[in-house]
Amino acid sequence: MDETFKVTPWEVTGKVDYDKLIEQFGTQKITPDLKDQIRDLAGDLHVMLRRDVFFSHRDLDLILQDYRSGKGFFMYTGRGPSQAMHIGHLIPFLFTKWLQDRFGVNVYIEITDDEKFLRSQEYNLDQTRQWSVDNITDIIAVGFNPDKTFIFQDTEYIRNMYPLSLKIAKKITFSMARATFGLDLSSNVGITFYPALQIVPTMFERKRCLIPAGIDQDPYWRLQRDMAEGLGYFKAAQIHSKFLPSLTGPEGKMSSSDPESAIYLSDPPKIVERKIMKYAFSGGQPTIELQRKLGGNPDVDVAFQWLYYYFEQDDYKIRKMEEDYRSGRMLTGELKQILIDKLNEFLEAHRGKRDEAQKLINDFKHDGTLAQEMWKKIHE
């Protein structure tokens, strides 16, 4: 691993070189041909595909092949619950929802309240279970189809997952887990077993599973791909996203534990404005005069990067912002104000959807078509 950056399922530090990460993880770059295939099947391309925010994959070509042939596929992603979700947490869910809309497939969303408890010295299990409900509400607000989406907490659904998790766990040796996740003799036995649980939803259906997620989660699926066919299932396919940069700098990723680095989904407009103006890392010059003369660097400017990742979806407008910022026609404060306006518009809409989502939790966990099918298995 290049010492200038580090990417694990629990930690991302340094300035990530995504081309090197593809090489290190052994994944494949999403090619223009694959994008053309998705556009042909979906009708268009999501902004995060157009701009290479989702940039890497495993077996995405086979997913598209299965869809064209009528075999279909399903999707799986997840969330480790914490006190509040931030903008970065929403990225894979926004993209997964778009894929569900375009391909009409089932989506399984695992809420890993167990893993969050096992990995933290600060949280107790009651806390992670309670936070799950709050996080589920934010996920539902993204707009998933309740008849094709099943959201489940590990501590609730464990009875149904346990038999398959045992079969998976039997194929994972401690040396494999240690090598994959950096475990040592001080790691608790719960976290040693946990990878078996995270692999289970990839086998909820006898179809190929596509996992949209940050590339930091890839180690789990490397284990899955080593054992899946021996258990009679497909190797999981993945489509990997880059990390939305922290407010405070272009290195690493946003962190829930650092309020200055993140915009939370619950942040009111004045807080959003204060955080962006005060903390958002600038690629501009130290004075207006120098900015007008020399221009800024949008490649490291966090406000521009956030707009590029998702919040300005008009390709012409984002190109114009980039040109104006590089040339000095646009100042850092002007760029930040554009982001503030876009974020507050997005968050206001999300909060409105969240109010409605609170009424729909049972549709996704118990009463929806897919939820009913899955929960019946507990009582069979």
Protein backbone atom coordinates (compact mmCIF):
# COMPACT_ATOMS: atom_id res chain seq x y z
CA MET A 1 0.00 0.00 0.00
CA ASP A 2 1.31 3.47 -0.95
CA GLU A 3 2.32 5.13 2.31
CA THR A 4 1.01 8.52 1.15
CA PHE A 5 -2.58 7.32 1.56
CA LYS A 6 -4.45 4.58 3.38
CA VAL A 7 -7.83 3.03 2.52
CA THR A 8 -9.51 0.43 4.75
CA PRO A 9 -13.19 -0.22 5.57
CA TRP A 10 -12.76 1.94 8.70
CA GLU A 11 -10.14 4.53 7.81
CA VAL A 12 -9.26 6.72 4.83
CA THR A 13 -6.26 9.03 5.17
CA GLY A 14 -4.06 11.00 2.81
CA LYS A 15 -4.70 12.10 -0.75
CA VAL A 16 -6.08 9.01 -2.45
CA ASP A 17 -4.63 8.11 -5.84
CA TYR A 18 -7.58 6.27 -7.36
CA ASP A 19 -5.61 4.83 -10.28
CA LYS A 20 -3.14 3.30 -7.82
CA LEU A 21 -6.03 2.07 -5.68
CA ILE A 22 -7.53 0.24 -8.66
CA GLU A 23 -4.17 -1.45 -9.17
CA GLN A 24 -3.72 -2.29 -5.48
CA PHE A 25 -7.26 -3.65 -5.02
CA GLY A 26 -7.29 -5.45 -8.38
CA THR A 27 -10.50 -3.81 -9.61
CA GLN A 28 -11.27 -2.47 -13.07
CA LYS A 29 -11.85 1.06 -14.28
CA ILE A 30 -15.32 1.86 -15.62
CA THR A 31 -14.68 2.32 -19.34
CA PRO A 32 -16.49 4.56 -21.83
CA ASP A 33 -17.92 1.38 -23.38
CA LEU A 34 -19.49 0.33 -20.06
CA LYS A 35 -20.96 3.80 -19.67
CA ASP A 36 -22.43 3.57 -23.17
CA GLN A 37 -24.01 0.22 -22.27
CA ILE A 38 -25.55 1.68 -19.11
CA ARG A 39 -26.83 4.69 -21.05
CA ASP A 40 -28.43 2.41 -23.66
CA LEU A 41 -30.18 0.33 -20.99
CA ALA A 42 -31.05 3.10 -18.51
CA GLY A 43 -31.85 5.90 -20.94
CA ASP A 44 -29.18 8.24 -19.61
CA LEU A 45 -26.22 8.38 -17.22
CA HIS A 46 -26.33 9.48 -13.61
CA VAL A 47 -24.21 12.57 -12.92
CA MET A 48 -21.88 10.49 -10.72
CA LEU A 49 -21.21 8.13 -13.63
CA ARG A 50 -20.72 10.94 -16.12
CA ARG A 51 -18.10 12.51 -13.86
CA ASP A 52 -16.34 9.33 -12.71
CA VAL A 53 -17.41 9.62 -9.08
CA PHE A 54 -18.34 5.96 -9.53
CA PHE A 55 -15.13 4.97 -11.25
CA SER A 56 -14.27 1.32 -10.54
CA HIS A 57 -16.01 -2.04 -10.66
CA ARG A 58 -15.94 -5.80 -10.46
CA ASP A 59 -18.09 -7.72 -12.96
CA LEU A 60 -20.31 -4.76 -13.89
CA ASP A 61 -20.16 -6.08 -17.45
CA LEU A 62 -21.69 -9.37 -16.26
CA ILE A 63 -24.47 -7.50 -14.43
CA LEU A 64 -25.41 -5.71 -17.64
CA GLN A 65 -25.16 -8.96 -19.59
CA ASP A 66 -27.51 -10.70 -17.13
CA TYR A 67 -29.98 -7.82 -17.36
CA ARG A 68 -30.01 -7.89 -21.16
CA SER A 69 -30.52 -11.66 -21.19
CA GLY A 70 -33.53 -11.47 -18.83
CA LYS A 71 -31.78 -13.10 -15.86
CA GLY A 72 -31.83 -9.83 -13.93
CA PHE A 73 -29.84 -8.92 -10.83
CA PHE A 74 -30.38 -7.44 -7.37
CA MET A 75 -28.58 -4.80 -5.34
CA TYR A 76 -27.25 -4.60 -1.82
CA THR A 77 -25.70 -1.77 0.14
CA GLY A 78 -25.63 -0.73 3.78
CA ARG A 79 -25.03 1.72 6.56
CA GLY A 80 -23.19 1.60 9.89
CA PRO A 81 -25.53 3.66 12.12
CA SER A 82 -24.27 6.70 13.98
CA GLN A 83 -25.81 9.73 15.65
CA ALA A 84 -26.32 11.69 12.45
CA MET A 85 -25.87 11.08 8.75
CA HIS A 86 -23.93 13.60 6.70
CA ILE A 87 -23.92 14.46 3.01
CA GLY A 88 -21.18 11.94 2.23
CA HIS A 89 -23.21 9.06 3.67
CA LEU A 90 -26.02 9.78 1.22
CA ILE A 91 -23.90 9.45 -1.95
CA PRO A 92 -24.23 5.63 -2.43
CA PHE A 93 -27.95 5.72 -1.58
CA LEU A 94 -28.72 8.45 -4.13
CA PHE A 95 -26.96 6.42 -6.80
CA THR A 96 -28.51 3.10 -5.74
CA LYS A 97 -31.99 4.65 -5.87
CA TRP A 98 -31.31 5.85 -9.43
CA LEU A 99 -30.23 2.35 -10.45
CA GLN A 100 -33.38 0.88 -8.87
CA ASP A 101 -35.56 3.35 -10.79
CA ARG A 102 -33.86 2.60 -14.10
CA PHE A 103 -33.53 -1.17 -13.82
CA GLY A 104 -36.52 -2.01 -11.58
CA VAL A 105 -34.55 -4.35 -9.30
CA ASN A 106 -34.77 -5.34 -5.65
CA VAL A 107 -32.55 -3.51 -3.15
CA TYR A 108 -31.44 -4.86 0.25
CA ILE A 109 -30.06 -2.36 2.76
CA GLU A 110 -28.22 -3.74 5.78
CA ILE A 111 -28.05 -1.58 8.92
CA THR A 112 -25.00 -2.86 10.76
CA ASP A 113 -25.86 -1.87 14.32
CA ASP A 114 -23.85 -4.89 15.54
CA GLU A 115 -20.63 -3.97 13.73
CA LYS A 116 -20.84 -0.35 14.87
CA PHE A 117 -21.10 -1.53 18.47
CA LEU A 118 -18.29 -4.08 18.13
CA ARG A 119 -15.85 -1.57 16.64
CA SER A 120 -16.51 1.29 19.04
CA GLN A 121 -15.31 1.81 22.59
CA GLU A 122 -17.75 4.72 22.98
CA TYR A 123 -21.11 3.33 21.82
CA ASN A 124 -23.32 0.80 23.57
CA LEU A 125 -25.66 -1.53 21.73
CA ASP A 126 -28.81 0.34 22.74
CA GLN A 127 -27.37 3.47 21.15
CA THR A 128 -26.51 1.87 17.83
CA ARG A 129 -29.93 0.22 17.64
CA GLN A 130 -31.68 3.53 18.32
CA TRP A 131 -29.56 5.42 15.82
CA SER A 132 -30.53 2.79 13.25
CA VAL A 133 -34.13 4.01 13.28
CA ASP A 134 -33.03 7.61 12.69
CA ASN A 135 -30.67 6.61 9.87
CA ILE A 136 -33.28 4.39 8.24
CA THR A 137 -35.59 7.40 8.08
CA ASP A 138 -32.96 9.37 6.15
CA ILE A 139 -32.42 6.44 3.79
CA ILE A 140 -36.14 6.05 3.08
CA ALA A 141 -36.30 9.80 2.34
CA VAL A 142 -34.02 9.21 -0.66
CA GLY A 143 -37.08 7.70 -2.38
CA PHE A 144 -36.62 3.94 -2.66
CA ASN A 145 -39.54 1.80 -3.87
CA PRO A 146 -41.03 0.18 -0.73
CA ASP A 147 -42.24 -2.84 -2.70
CA LYS A 148 -38.72 -3.55 -4.01
CA THR A 149 -36.64 -2.49 -0.99
CA PHE A 150 -35.97 -4.35 2.27
CA ILE A 151 -34.17 -2.50 5.06
CA PHE A 152 -33.04 -4.63 7.98
CA GLN A 153 -31.04 -4.26 11.19
CA ASP A 154 -28.59 -7.05 11.87
CA THR A 155 -29.66 -7.41 15.51
CA GLU A 156 -33.30 -7.85 14.42
CA TYR A 157 -32.78 -10.07 11.39
CA ILE A 158 -29.96 -12.23 12.75
CA ARG A 159 -32.21 -15.25 13.24
CA ASN A 160 -32.73 -15.54 9.52
CA MET A 161 -29.15 -14.70 8.58
CA TYR A 162 -27.40 -16.95 11.06
CA PRO A 163 -27.58 -20.34 9.25
CA LEU A 164 -26.01 -18.93 6.08
CA SER A 165 -23.52 -16.85 8.07
CA LEU A 166 -22.30 -20.07 9.71
CA LYS A 167 -21.62 -21.64 6.31
CA ILE A 168 -19.73 -18.53 5.27
CA ALA A 169 -17.83 -18.25 8.57
CA LYS A 170 -16.63 -21.83 8.23
CA LYS A 171 -14.82 -20.84 5.04
CA ILE A 172 -13.10 -17.79 6.57
CA THR A 173 -10.00 -18.65 8.56
CA PHE A 174 -8.58 -16.27 11.13
CA SER A 175 -5.50 -15.79 8.96
CA MET A 176 -7.74 -14.74 6.04
CA ALA A 177 -9.64 -12.26 8.21
CA ARG A 178 -6.44 -10.91 9.73
CA ALA A 179 -4.79 -10.42 6.34
CA THR A 180 -7.88 -8.80 4.82
CA PHE A 181 -8.89 -6.49 7.66
CA GLY A 182 -5.71 -5.99 9.64
CA LEU A 183 -7.00 -7.81 12.73
CA ASP A 184 -4.65 -8.82 15.53
CA LEU A 185 -4.77 -10.75 18.79
CA SER A 186 -6.39 -7.80 20.56
CA SER A 187 -9.37 -7.77 18.15
CA ASN A 188 -12.56 -8.97 19.82
CA VAL A 189 -14.06 -12.22 18.56
CA GLY A 190 -17.23 -10.44 17.49
CA ILE A 191 -15.45 -8.35 14.90
CA THR A 192 -13.59 -11.44 13.73
CA PHE A 193 -16.93 -13.14 12.98
CA TYR A 194 -18.67 -10.04 11.61
CA PRO A 195 -17.44 -10.28 7.95
CA ALA A 196 -19.54 -13.45 7.59
CA LEU A 197 -22.67 -11.42 8.41
CA GLN A 198 -21.86 -8.66 5.95
CA ILE A 199 -21.45 -11.22 3.18
CA VAL A 200 -24.85 -12.90 3.80
CA PRO A 201 -27.06 -10.39 1.88
CA THR A 202 -25.04 -11.00 -1.30
CA MET A 203 -26.76 -14.41 -1.26
CA PHE A 204 -30.36 -13.33 -0.59
CA GLU A 205 -31.31 -14.22 -4.18
CA ARG A 206 -30.05 -16.77 -6.72
CA LYS A 207 -28.99 -13.97 -9.03
CA ARG A 208 -25.89 -11.88 -9.38
CA CYS A 209 -25.67 -9.15 -6.73
CA LEU A 210 -24.46 -5.62 -7.51
CA ILE A 211 -23.08 -3.60 -4.58
CA PRO A 212 -22.84 0.18 -4.99
CA ALA A 213 -20.54 1.45 -2.24
CA GLY A 214 -17.37 3.34 -1.48
CA ILE A 215 -14.26 1.51 -2.61
CA ASP A 216 -13.13 1.26 1.04
CA GLN A 217 -15.68 -1.56 1.48
CA ASP A 218 -14.14 -3.70 -1.26
CA PRO A 219 -12.18 -6.04 1.09
CA TYR A 220 -15.44 -7.64 2.28
CA TRP A 221 -16.38 -8.57 -1.26
CA ARG A 222 -12.97 -9.99 -2.08
CA LEU A 223 -13.66 -12.57 0.64
CA GLN A 224 -17.16 -13.15 -0.73
CA ARG A 225 -15.84 -13.75 -4.22
CA ASP A 226 -13.42 -16.38 -2.93
CA MET A 227 -16.20 -18.53 -1.48
CA ALA A 228 -19.49 -17.71 -3.21
CA GLU A 229 -19.42 -20.29 -5.97
CA GLY A 230 -18.48 -23.05 -3.52
CA LEU A 231 -21.73 -22.29 -1.66
CA GLY A 232 -23.79 -22.24 -4.87
CA TYR A 233 -24.04 -18.46 -5.34
CA PHE A 234 -22.61 -15.87 -7.72
CA LYS A 235 -19.55 -13.80 -7.01
CA ALA A 236 -20.72 -10.34 -5.95
CA ALA A 237 -20.29 -7.54 -8.46
CA GLN A 238 -19.43 -4.04 -7.29
CA ILE A 239 -19.48 -0.48 -8.51
CA HIS A 240 -17.20 1.72 -6.40
CA SER A 241 -17.40 5.42 -5.60
CA LYS A 242 -14.71 7.88 -4.70
CA PHE A 243 -14.89 9.68 -1.35
CA LEU A 244 -16.61 13.03 -0.99
CA PRO A 245 -13.80 15.18 0.42
CA SER A 246 -13.89 16.50 3.95
CA LEU A 247 -14.81 20.18 4.23
CA THR A 248 -11.44 20.90 5.78
CA GLY A 249 -9.26 19.54 3.01
CA PRO A 250 -8.98 17.38 -0.12
CA GLU A 251 -7.34 14.48 1.76
CA GLY A 252 -9.18 11.60 3.44
CA LYS A 253 -12.97 11.63 3.63
CA MET A 254 -15.71 13.27 5.64
CA SER A 255 -16.06 12.05 9.23
CA SER A 256 -19.11 11.96 11.48
CA SER A 257 -16.86 12.40 14.50
CA ASP A 258 -15.51 15.76 13.24
CA PRO A 259 -18.34 18.32 13.00
CA GLU A 260 -16.09 20.79 11.20
CA SER A 261 -15.43 18.32 8.38
CA ALA A 262 -19.04 17.52 7.51
CA ILE A 263 -22.43 18.93 6.62
CA TYR A 264 -25.06 16.88 8.45
CA LEU A 265 -28.47 16.23 6.95
CA SER A 266 -29.96 17.99 9.99
CA ASP A 267 -27.84 21.16 9.69
CA PRO A 268 -30.04 24.29 9.36
CA PRO A 269 -29.26 26.91 6.69
CA LYS A 270 -27.24 29.25 8.93
CA ILE A 271 -25.03 26.38 10.14
CA VAL A 272 -24.46 25.25 6.54
CA GLU A 273 -23.47 28.79 5.58
CA ARG A 274 -21.12 29.18 8.56
CA LYS A 275 -19.40 25.82 7.98
CA ILE A 276 -18.88 26.37 4.26
CA MET A 277 -17.60 29.92 4.64
CA LYS A 278 -15.36 29.13 7.61
CA TYR A 279 -14.08 25.61 6.99
CA ALA A 280 -14.40 24.68 3.31
CA PHE A 281 -10.84 24.26 2.01
CA SER A 282 -10.11 26.78 -0.74
CA GLY A 283 -8.14 26.39 -3.92
CA GLY A 284 -8.14 30.17 -4.34
CA GLN A 285 -5.45 32.78 -3.83
CA PRO A 286 -4.97 34.62 -0.52
CA THR A 287 -6.19 37.97 -1.92
CA ILE A 288 -8.82 39.10 -4.43
CA GLU A 289 -6.12 40.77 -6.50
CA LEU A 290 -4.08 37.56 -6.78
CA GLN A 291 -7.22 35.50 -7.50
CA ARG A 292 -8.13 37.83 -10.37
CA LYS A 293 -4.56 37.64 -11.70
CA LEU A 294 -3.63 33.98 -11.12
CA GLY A 295 -6.95 32.18 -10.72
CA GLY A 296 -7.78 29.29 -8.39
CA ASN A 297 -7.32 25.54 -8.42
CA PRO A 298 -10.69 23.70 -8.56
CA ASP A 299 -8.90 20.34 -8.27
CA VAL A 300 -8.33 20.94 -4.56
CA ASP A 301 -11.14 23.40 -3.83
CA VAL A 302 -13.71 21.58 -1.69
CA ALA A 303 -16.66 23.78 -2.70
CA PHE A 304 -16.02 23.03 -6.36
CA GLN A 305 -15.46 19.33 -5.67
CA TRP A 306 -18.80 19.02 -3.87
CA LEU A 307 -20.57 20.79 -6.71
CA TYR A 308 -18.80 18.53 -9.20
CA TYR A 309 -19.59 15.31 -7.33
CA TYR A 310 -23.32 15.89 -7.22
CA PHE A 311 -24.75 19.27 -6.29
CA GLU A 312 -24.44 20.99 -9.69
CA GLN A 313 -25.77 18.46 -12.16
CA ASP A 314 -25.74 20.71 -15.23
CA ASP A 315 -22.56 19.81 -17.14
CA TYR A 316 -22.41 23.16 -18.94
CA LYS A 317 -22.67 25.10 -15.67
CA ILE A 318 -19.98 23.06 -13.91
CA ARG A 319 -17.58 23.50 -16.86
CA LYS A 320 -18.23 27.25 -16.81
CA MET A 321 -17.56 27.41 -13.04
CA GLU A 322 -14.29 25.54 -13.52
CA GLU A 323 -13.18 27.87 -16.32
CA ASP A 324 -14.16 31.01 -14.40
CA TYR A 325 -12.44 29.85 -11.21
CA ARG A 326 -9.21 28.88 -12.99
CA SER A 327 -9.15 32.17 -14.88
CA GLY A 328 -9.85 34.34 -11.85
CA ARG A 329 -13.23 35.54 -13.10
CA MET A 330 -14.83 33.75 -10.12
CA LEU A 331 -13.77 34.32 -6.52
CA THR A 332 -13.67 31.71 -3.74
CA GLY A 333 -16.50 33.42 -1.86
CA GLU A 334 -18.71 33.34 -4.95
CA LEU A 335 -18.04 29.63 -5.44
CA LYS A 336 -18.80 28.91 -1.79
CA GLN A 337 -22.06 30.84 -2.00
CA ILE A 338 -23.19 28.73 -4.96
CA LEU A 339 -22.55 25.59 -2.90
CA ILE A 340 -24.36 27.02 0.14
CA ASP A 341 -27.45 27.76 -1.94
CA LYS A 342 -27.39 24.32 -3.58
CA LEU A 343 -26.88 22.48 -0.29
CA ASN A 344 -29.62 24.34 1.54
CA GLU A 345 -32.05 23.69 -1.31
CA PHE A 346 -31.16 19.99 -1.24
CA LEU A 347 -31.38 19.71 2.56
CA GLU A 348 -34.72 21.52 2.74
CA ALA A 349 -36.18 19.07 0.22
CA HIS A 350 -34.65 16.13 2.09
CA ARG A 351 -36.12 17.23 5.42
CA GLY A 352 -39.55 17.46 3.83
CA LYS A 353 -39.21 13.91 2.49
CA ARG A 354 -37.89 12.78 5.87
CA ASP A 355 -41.09 13.87 7.61
CA GLU A 356 -43.04 11.59 5.27
CA ALA A 357 -40.45 8.80 5.56
CA GLN A 358 -41.07 8.48 9.30
CA LYS A 359 -44.53 7.16 8.45
CA LEU A 360 -43.13 4.57 6.02
CA ILE A 361 -40.61 2.67 8.14
CA ASN A 362 -42.85 -0.40 8.48
CA ASP A 363 -43.34 -0.48 4.69
CA PHE A 364 -39.61 -1.07 4.27
CA LYS A 365 -39.02 -3.30 7.30
CA HIS A 366 -42.23 -5.32 7.54
CA ASP A 367 -45.17 -4.50 5.24
CA GLY A 368 -43.73 -3.87 1.79
CA THR A 369 -43.88 -6.68 -0.77
CA LEU A 370 -40.18 -7.53 -0.60
CA ALA A 371 -40.06 -6.99 3.17
CA GLN A 372 -42.93 -9.43 3.68
CA GLU A 373 -41.21 -12.06 1.55
CA MET A 374 -37.99 -11.78 3.54
CA TRP A 375 -39.56 -11.61 6.99
CA LYS A 376 -41.66 -14.75 6.30
CA LYS A 377 -38.40 -16.68 6.30
CA ILE A 378 -37.95 -15.97 10.00
CA HIS A 379 -41.09 -17.92 10.82
CA GLU A 380 -40.75 -20.77 8.33
